[in-house]
Each structure stands twice: as C-alpha cells, then as structure tokens.
Amino acid sequence: MCSREIEIKNAAGLHARPASAFVHLAGGFQSEIELRRVGEESRYNAKSIIMLLALGLGRGERAVLTAHGPDEREAVEALAALVDGFSDNAKL
C-alpha cells in the first residue's frame, strides 16, 4: 500500500473536467486507487467519476490518495503530480 496526502489547488475544486482527467489517468493503473477526505473515514473509488464528484473536494481541501497493487507507487506519484498541476490558469 502506498499513500500520500494531496491538496486541491484548483479554484473550482475537483469538478467535472479535472475529475475526468484524474479518472482517466487512474484507469491506466492496475492498482486499486482510493481517495478520502482528511479527517473522514469514507473512501471513494478514484477510478469512478461519479464517486469523485460525490466526494466533492473543494479548493484548499486535503485528501489522502491510496493505492494497493503492483503499480501503487507509480499511481500515487502520477496522480499526486496531476492534482498538483491543476491550477487557476489551467484549462480544466
């Protein structure tokens, strides 16, 4: 298992377009990937756009990204970098 805390920096949060990019990237990994809001126990399947939108992460919120599987480290690093790259200036 590999985990990392991430912060949502995009002004609109993890809305439809960035969530779609996140799910697309996550779907390329064999590992099971989950997100949960820091301080909460509920876990959300990070390969599901519906689940990510239901999580409703807004700007400034922190979440724990966790992967279990053969490419878990690569998945966490790539997804954390993607989220870190979302910005107010990005066309997402």
C-alpha atoms as a PDB file:
ATOM      1  CA  MET A   1       0.000   0.000   0.000  1.00  0.00           C
ATOM      2  CA  CYS A   2       1.196   3.475  -0.888  1.00  0.00           C
ATOM      3  CA  SER A   3      -0.460   6.679   0.366  1.00  0.00           C
ATOM      4  CA  ARG A   4       0.064  10.391   0.047  1.00  0.00           C
ATOM      5  CA  GLU A   5      -1.782  13.454   1.246  1.00  0.00           C
ATOM      6  CA  ILE A   6      -2.748  15.885  -1.507  1.00  0.00           C
ATOM      7  CA  GLU A   7      -4.241  19.383  -1.531  1.00  0.00           C
ATOM      8  CA  ILE A   8      -6.766  20.613  -4.068  1.00  0.00           C
ATOM      9  CA  LYS A   9      -5.438  23.861  -5.530  1.00  0.00           C
ATOM     10  CA  ASN A  10      -7.831  24.438  -8.427  1.00  0.00           C
ATOM     11  CA  ALA A  11     -10.226  27.322  -7.647  1.00  0.00           C
ATOM     12  CA  ALA A  12     -13.264  25.251  -8.642  1.00  0.00           C
ATOM     13  CA  GLY A  13     -12.077  22.181  -6.775  1.00  0.00           C
ATOM     14  CA  LEU A  14     -12.161  18.687  -8.206  1.00  0.00           C
ATOM     15  CA  HIS A  15     -15.067  19.446 -10.524  1.00  0.00           C
ATOM     16  CA  ALA A  16     -16.029  17.563 -13.716  1.00  0.00           C
ATOM     17  CA  ARG A  17     -13.067  18.287 -16.006  1.00  0.00           C
ATOM     18  CA  PRO A  18     -10.223  17.729 -13.539  1.00  0.00           C
ATOM     19  CA  ALA A  19     -12.075  14.733 -12.076  1.00  0.00           C
ATOM     20  CA  SER A  20     -12.356  13.309 -15.589  1.00  0.00           C
ATOM     21  CA  ALA A  21      -8.609  13.751 -16.172  1.00  0.00           C
ATOM     22  CA  PHE A  22      -7.924  12.151 -12.785  1.00  0.00           C
ATOM     23  CA  VAL A  23     -10.163   9.131 -13.520  1.00  0.00           C
ATOM     24  CA  HIS A  24      -8.641   8.722 -16.980  1.00  0.00           C
ATOM     25  CA  LEU A  25      -5.121   8.613 -15.547  1.00  0.00           C
ATOM     26  CA  ALA A  26      -6.153   6.374 -12.624  1.00  0.00           C
ATOM     27  CA  GLY A  27      -7.763   3.916 -15.039  1.00  0.00           C
ATOM     28  CA  GLY A  28      -4.376   3.279 -16.625  1.00  0.00           C
ATOM     29  CA  PHE A  29      -3.039   1.654 -13.454  1.00  0.00           C
ATOM     30  CA  GLN A  30      -3.661  -1.900 -12.296  1.00  0.00           C
ATOM     31  CA  SER A  31      -3.776  -0.922  -8.629  1.00  0.00           C
ATOM     32  CA  GLU A  32      -6.952  -0.185  -6.716  1.00  0.00           C
ATOM     33  CA  ILE A  33      -6.956   3.556  -6.047  1.00  0.00           C
ATOM     34  CA  GLU A  34      -8.966   5.396  -3.403  1.00  0.00           C
ATOM     35  CA  LEU A  35      -9.407   8.933  -2.153  1.00  0.00           C
ATOM     36  CA  ARG A  36     -10.710  10.058   1.211  1.00  0.00           C
ATOM     37  CA  ARG A  37     -11.069  13.500   2.709  1.00  0.00           C
ATOM     38  CA  VAL A  38      -8.606  14.090   5.554  1.00  0.00           C
ATOM     39  CA  GLY A  39     -10.418  13.538   8.847  1.00  0.00           C
ATOM     40  CA  GLU A  40     -13.101  11.298   7.384  1.00  0.00           C
ATOM     41  CA  GLU A  41     -13.281   7.519   7.100  1.00  0.00           C
ATOM     42  CA  SER A  42     -15.348   7.200   3.898  1.00  0.00           C
ATOM     43  CA  ARG A  43     -13.254   6.014   0.971  1.00  0.00           C
ATOM     44  CA  TYR A  44     -14.075   6.709  -2.667  1.00  0.00           C
ATOM     45  CA  ASN A  45     -13.037   4.707  -5.720  1.00  0.00           C
ATOM     46  CA  ALA A  46     -10.725   7.056  -7.614  1.00  0.00           C
ATOM     47  CA  LYS A  47     -11.415   5.276 -10.910  1.00  0.00           C
ATOM     48  CA  SER A  48     -15.072   6.342 -10.805  1.00  0.00           C
ATOM     49  CA  ILE A  49     -16.074   9.834 -11.979  1.00  0.00           C
ATOM     50  CA  ILE A  50     -19.340   9.529 -10.046  1.00  0.00           C
ATOM     51  CA  MET A  51     -17.505   8.717  -6.826  1.00  0.00           C
ATOM     52  CA  LEU A  52     -15.043  11.597  -7.242  1.00  0.00           C
ATOM     53  CA  LEU A  53     -17.809  14.073  -7.930  1.00  0.00           C
ATOM     54  CA  ALA A  54     -19.721  12.726  -4.913  1.00  0.00           C
ATOM     55  CA  LEU A  55     -16.627  13.309  -2.770  1.00  0.00           C
ATOM     56  CA  GLY A  56     -16.863  16.982  -3.763  1.00  0.00           C
ATOM     57  CA  LEU A  57     -13.386  18.173  -2.863  1.00  0.00           C
ATOM     58  CA  GLY A  58     -13.102  21.966  -2.949  1.00  0.00           C
ATOM     59  CA  ARG A  59     -10.153  24.314  -3.136  1.00  0.00           C
ATOM     60  CA  GLY A  60      -7.869  24.063  -0.127  1.00  0.00           C
ATOM     61  CA  GLU A  61      -9.231  20.709   0.994  1.00  0.00           C
ATOM     62  CA  ARG A  62      -6.843  17.879   1.693  1.00  0.00           C
ATOM     63  CA  ALA A  63      -7.343  14.253   0.808  1.00  0.00           C
ATOM     64  CA  VAL A  64      -5.436  11.017   1.211  1.00  0.00           C
ATOM     65  CA  LEU A  65      -4.682   9.222  -2.038  1.00  0.00           C
ATOM     66  CA  THR A  66      -4.080   5.485  -1.540  1.00  0.00           C
ATOM     67  CA  ALA A  67      -3.199   2.722  -3.995  1.00  0.00           C
ATOM     68  CA  HIS A  68      -2.965  -1.029  -3.483  1.00  0.00           C
ATOM     69  CA  GLY A  69      -1.393  -3.176  -6.175  1.00  0.00           C
ATOM     70  CA  PRO A  70       1.571  -3.856  -8.425  1.00  0.00           C
ATOM     71  CA  ASP A  71       1.996  -0.260  -9.636  1.00  0.00           C
ATOM     72  CA  GLU A  72       0.818   1.508  -6.480  1.00  0.00           C
ATOM     73  CA  ARG A  73       3.820   3.811  -6.085  1.00  0.00           C
ATOM     74  CA  GLU A  74       3.714   4.936  -9.716  1.00  0.00           C
ATOM     75  CA  ALA A  75      -0.044   5.510  -9.471  1.00  0.00           C
ATOM     76  CA  VAL A  76       0.188   7.667  -6.354  1.00  0.00           C
ATOM     77  CA  GLU A  77       3.091   9.709  -7.728  1.00  0.00           C
ATOM     78  CA  ALA A  78       1.423  10.310 -11.107  1.00  0.00           C
ATOM     79  CA  LEU A  79      -1.973  11.192  -9.649  1.00  0.00           C
ATOM     80  CA  ALA A  80      -0.496  13.474  -6.989  1.00  0.00           C
ATOM     81  CA  ALA A  81       1.507  15.263  -9.700  1.00  0.00           C
ATOM     82  CA  LEU A  82      -1.647  15.644 -11.793  1.00  0.00           C
ATOM     83  CA  VAL A  83      -3.583  17.191  -8.898  1.00  0.00           C
ATOM     84  CA  ASP A  84      -0.635  19.428  -8.067  1.00  0.00           C
ATOM     85  CA  GLY A  85      -0.605  20.619 -11.674  1.00  0.00           C
ATOM     86  CA  PHE A  86      -4.250  21.732 -11.607  1.00  0.00           C
ATOM     87  CA  SER A  87      -4.243  25.488 -11.221  1.00  0.00           C
ATOM     88  CA  ASP A  88      -6.450  28.521 -11.752  1.00  0.00           C
ATOM     89  CA  ASN A  89      -4.733  29.084 -15.095  1.00  0.00           C
ATOM     90  CA  ALA A  90      -5.158  25.541 -16.385  1.00  0.00           C
ATOM     91  CA  LYS A  91      -7.928  24.994 -18.887  1.00  0.00           C
ATOM     92  CA  LEU A  92      -9.697  22.485 -16.681  1.00  0.00           C
END
